[in-house]
Every structure is written in C-alpha cells, then in structure tokens.
Amino acid sequence: MFREIALKTFCAAPAAFAFFSASASPAFSVGEYVSVPAVGIASGTWGGSAAVPAAGRTARILEVIDGGYMVEFYDYSDKIVSTAPTEGASKIEFKTYPVGKDVTVIWGDKPYAARILKVRDGFHWITYPGWPHSWDEWVGPERLNCRK
C-alpha cells in the first residue's frame, strides 16, 4: 500500500512559481493523470523540499494553480507532491491488464516477475511470486511490461 506523505500547503513567495507561464491555461482537471515535462518544488518523505527532475513521469493532478498544476508522483511506495507547468503536459492513457496476468515489473533498474491481483484507475496491485507479501505494491504504467 502507498505510504501517504502529508500534503504541504505551498504558500511560498510568488517567485517560487516564476518558471510558469502566466498565459498558459490549464488543459487538464483535478484527478487526471498526465506526463509532465518538468517540475518545481517537491515535498517528500525526507521532510523537506527540493527540485525534482521528472520529465515524462506519470503524475496525478491534485490542484490547478496559476499557470501550472500541483501534482503527485507515485515513487514505489511513496507519493511525492510537486508543482509542474501546464505547457508540455500530456494526458496519460493507461493500458491495463486483467487480474491474474503474469507481468514483468521494473523495480530499481531490474525486471522482476509479478502477477496482477487488482486493477484500479490504471494502476495494478501486483505480487512478486516467491517473495513475501510485504513486497506487494501498486504499480504505475511506467514500471509495467506484459509477459507473453
């Protein structure tokens, strides 16, 4: 299961969002999944804030802000909250696989055999056969490959 990271209210000075174009209008709504070209300030498990490069990663829109989005990235068992510009964001169309399907999941930089136990909102709850169930996790599309 995901470890929840408390959302921080980003009441930073306007300069914190200066890289966003004020003229860009949001094309997506809260709750949609997008691929973003860049990110701004992120809040994570380390308890602080930092810039997080995440071009092309799957993010869920939490809030529409001036010229950008507040987004959430799914990073293994953590959720990381960040800002992202509207320009260059593209909608994610999830490919889903049926429950019981054997798949390959990328963990770190290595592939592992897994089996799908549940499917929800484009994410798959998987188990790694032969490993303890404490390793079971929700997997986004960028880490999932179907095995024949």
Protein backbone atom coordinates (compact mmCIF):
# COMPACT_ATOMS: atom_id res chain seq x y z
CA MET A 1 0.00 0.00 0.00
CA PHE A 2 1.16 3.56 -0.62
CA ARG A 3 2.70 5.37 2.29
CA GLU A 4 0.88 8.67 2.50
CA ILE A 5 3.01 11.81 2.57
CA ALA A 6 1.28 14.76 4.13
CA LEU A 7 0.50 17.46 1.61
CA LYS A 8 2.17 20.73 2.45
CA THR A 9 0.44 23.96 1.57
CA PHE A 10 2.74 25.79 -0.78
CA CYS A 11 2.41 29.39 0.37
CA ALA A 12 5.81 30.29 -0.97
CA ALA A 13 6.64 33.67 -2.41
CA PRO A 14 5.39 34.17 -5.99
CA ALA A 15 8.97 33.79 -7.20
CA ALA A 16 8.72 30.08 -6.37
CA PHE A 17 6.37 29.67 -9.34
CA ALA A 18 8.15 32.13 -11.63
CA PHE A 19 9.04 29.46 -14.20
CA PHE A 20 5.35 29.00 -15.06
CA SER A 21 3.95 30.94 -17.96
CA ALA A 22 1.11 33.14 -16.74
CA SER A 23 -0.58 32.89 -20.14
CA ALA A 24 -0.77 29.08 -20.19
CA SER A 25 -4.29 27.90 -19.45
CA PRO A 26 -4.86 24.51 -17.83
CA ALA A 27 -5.91 21.79 -20.26
CA PHE A 28 -6.49 19.14 -17.60
CA SER A 29 -8.57 18.82 -14.44
CA VAL A 30 -8.03 17.69 -10.88
CA GLY A 31 -7.79 13.89 -10.71
CA GLU A 32 -6.45 13.37 -14.24
CA TYR A 33 -3.14 11.61 -14.87
CA VAL A 34 -0.57 13.42 -17.02
CA SER A 35 3.03 13.18 -18.16
CA VAL A 36 4.84 16.39 -17.22
CA PRO A 37 7.92 17.94 -18.85
CA ALA A 38 9.45 19.45 -15.67
CA VAL A 39 8.68 20.01 -12.03
CA GLY A 40 9.25 22.71 -9.46
CA ILE A 41 9.22 22.39 -5.69
CA ALA A 42 8.59 18.92 -4.27
CA SER A 43 7.66 17.70 -0.81
CA GLY A 44 8.63 14.16 0.08
CA THR A 45 9.44 11.63 2.76
CA TRP A 46 12.73 13.36 3.55
CA GLY A 47 10.70 16.05 5.33
CA GLY A 48 11.91 18.96 3.23
CA SER A 49 11.50 20.50 -0.18
CA ALA A 50 13.68 20.16 -3.27
CA ALA A 51 13.57 20.46 -7.05
CA VAL A 52 12.77 17.08 -8.61
CA PRO A 53 13.53 16.36 -12.28
CA ALA A 54 10.69 14.19 -13.55
CA ALA A 55 10.28 14.72 -17.28
CA GLY A 56 7.95 12.12 -18.74
CA ARG A 57 6.86 10.65 -15.40
CA THR A 58 3.25 9.85 -14.54
CA ALA A 59 1.66 12.39 -12.20
CA ARG A 60 -1.87 12.88 -10.84
CA ILE A 61 -3.21 16.45 -10.76
CA LEU A 62 -4.15 17.50 -7.23
CA GLU A 63 -4.87 21.17 -7.87
CA VAL A 64 -4.83 23.69 -10.72
CA ILE A 65 -2.69 26.70 -9.76
CA ASP A 66 -1.71 29.88 -11.63
CA GLY A 67 -0.06 28.71 -14.85
CA GLY A 68 0.51 25.18 -13.58
CA TYR A 69 -0.55 22.19 -11.55
CA MET A 70 0.11 20.76 -8.12
CA VAL A 71 0.85 17.10 -8.94
CA GLU A 72 1.59 13.87 -7.13
CA PHE A 73 4.15 11.33 -8.34
CA TYR A 74 4.00 7.68 -7.34
CA ASP A 75 7.51 6.57 -6.45
CA TYR A 76 7.46 2.91 -5.41
CA SER A 77 5.61 3.05 -2.07
CA ASP A 78 5.90 6.85 -1.64
CA LYS A 79 3.89 9.73 -3.01
CA ILE A 80 5.81 12.90 -3.87
CA VAL A 81 3.98 16.21 -4.29
CA SER A 82 5.36 18.86 -6.65
CA THR A 83 4.42 21.70 -8.97
CA ALA A 84 4.50 21.42 -12.77
CA PRO A 85 3.80 23.85 -15.64
CA THR A 86 0.76 23.45 -17.90
CA GLU A 87 2.90 23.77 -21.02
CA GLY A 88 4.04 20.40 -22.30
CA ALA A 89 1.79 18.31 -20.05
CA SER A 90 0.13 15.44 -21.92
CA LYS A 91 -2.70 13.10 -20.95
CA ILE A 92 -1.81 9.57 -19.94
CA GLU A 93 -3.86 6.77 -21.47
CA PHE A 94 -3.35 3.74 -19.26
CA LYS A 95 -3.00 0.27 -20.67
CA THR A 96 -4.47 -2.15 -18.18
CA TYR A 97 -4.04 -5.89 -17.90
CA PRO A 98 -6.51 -8.41 -16.42
CA VAL A 99 -6.32 -9.79 -12.89
CA GLY A 100 -4.20 -12.96 -12.86
CA LYS A 101 -1.97 -11.83 -15.75
CA ASP A 102 1.76 -12.53 -15.39
CA VAL A 103 3.81 -9.39 -15.99
CA THR A 104 7.33 -8.03 -15.59
CA VAL A 105 7.76 -5.10 -13.19
CA ILE A 106 10.79 -2.83 -13.14
CA TRP A 107 12.00 -2.29 -9.55
CA GLY A 108 15.09 -0.11 -9.28
CA ASP A 109 16.69 -0.89 -12.62
CA LYS A 110 15.94 -4.63 -12.66
CA PRO A 111 12.97 -6.61 -14.05
CA TYR A 112 11.03 -8.94 -11.73
CA ALA A 113 8.29 -11.48 -12.49
CA ALA A 114 4.96 -10.45 -10.96
CA ARG A 115 1.25 -11.29 -11.09
CA ILE A 116 -1.64 -8.80 -11.13
CA LEU A 117 -4.05 -9.13 -8.19
CA LYS A 118 -6.19 -5.95 -8.64
CA VAL A 119 -6.65 -3.14 -11.17
CA ARG A 120 -7.83 0.36 -10.21
CA ASP A 121 -7.63 3.71 -12.04
CA GLY A 122 -4.93 2.46 -14.41
CA PHE A 123 -2.76 1.08 -11.60
CA HIS A 124 -2.13 -2.61 -10.87
CA TRP A 125 -1.77 -4.20 -7.41
CA ILE A 126 0.86 -6.86 -8.00
CA THR A 127 2.53 -9.65 -6.09
CA TYR A 128 6.02 -11.00 -6.68
CA PRO A 129 5.69 -14.83 -6.66
CA GLY A 130 8.17 -16.38 -4.22
CA TRP A 131 8.60 -13.11 -2.29
CA PRO A 132 6.82 -12.17 0.97
CA HIS A 133 3.51 -10.32 0.51
CA SER A 134 5.05 -7.29 2.22
CA TRP A 135 6.59 -6.59 -1.23
CA ASP A 136 3.16 -6.43 -2.94
CA GLU A 137 2.56 -2.93 -4.32
CA TRP A 138 0.57 -0.67 -6.64
CA VAL A 139 2.44 -0.25 -9.93
CA GLY A 140 2.02 2.55 -12.45
CA PRO A 141 2.24 2.00 -16.20
CA GLU A 142 5.83 3.23 -16.49
CA ARG A 143 7.05 0.21 -14.46
CA LEU A 144 4.85 -2.50 -16.01
CA ASN A 145 5.52 -4.73 -19.03
CA CYS A 146 3.31 -7.59 -20.14
CA ARG A 147 4.87 -11.04 -20.45
CA LYS A 148 3.65 -13.35 -23.17
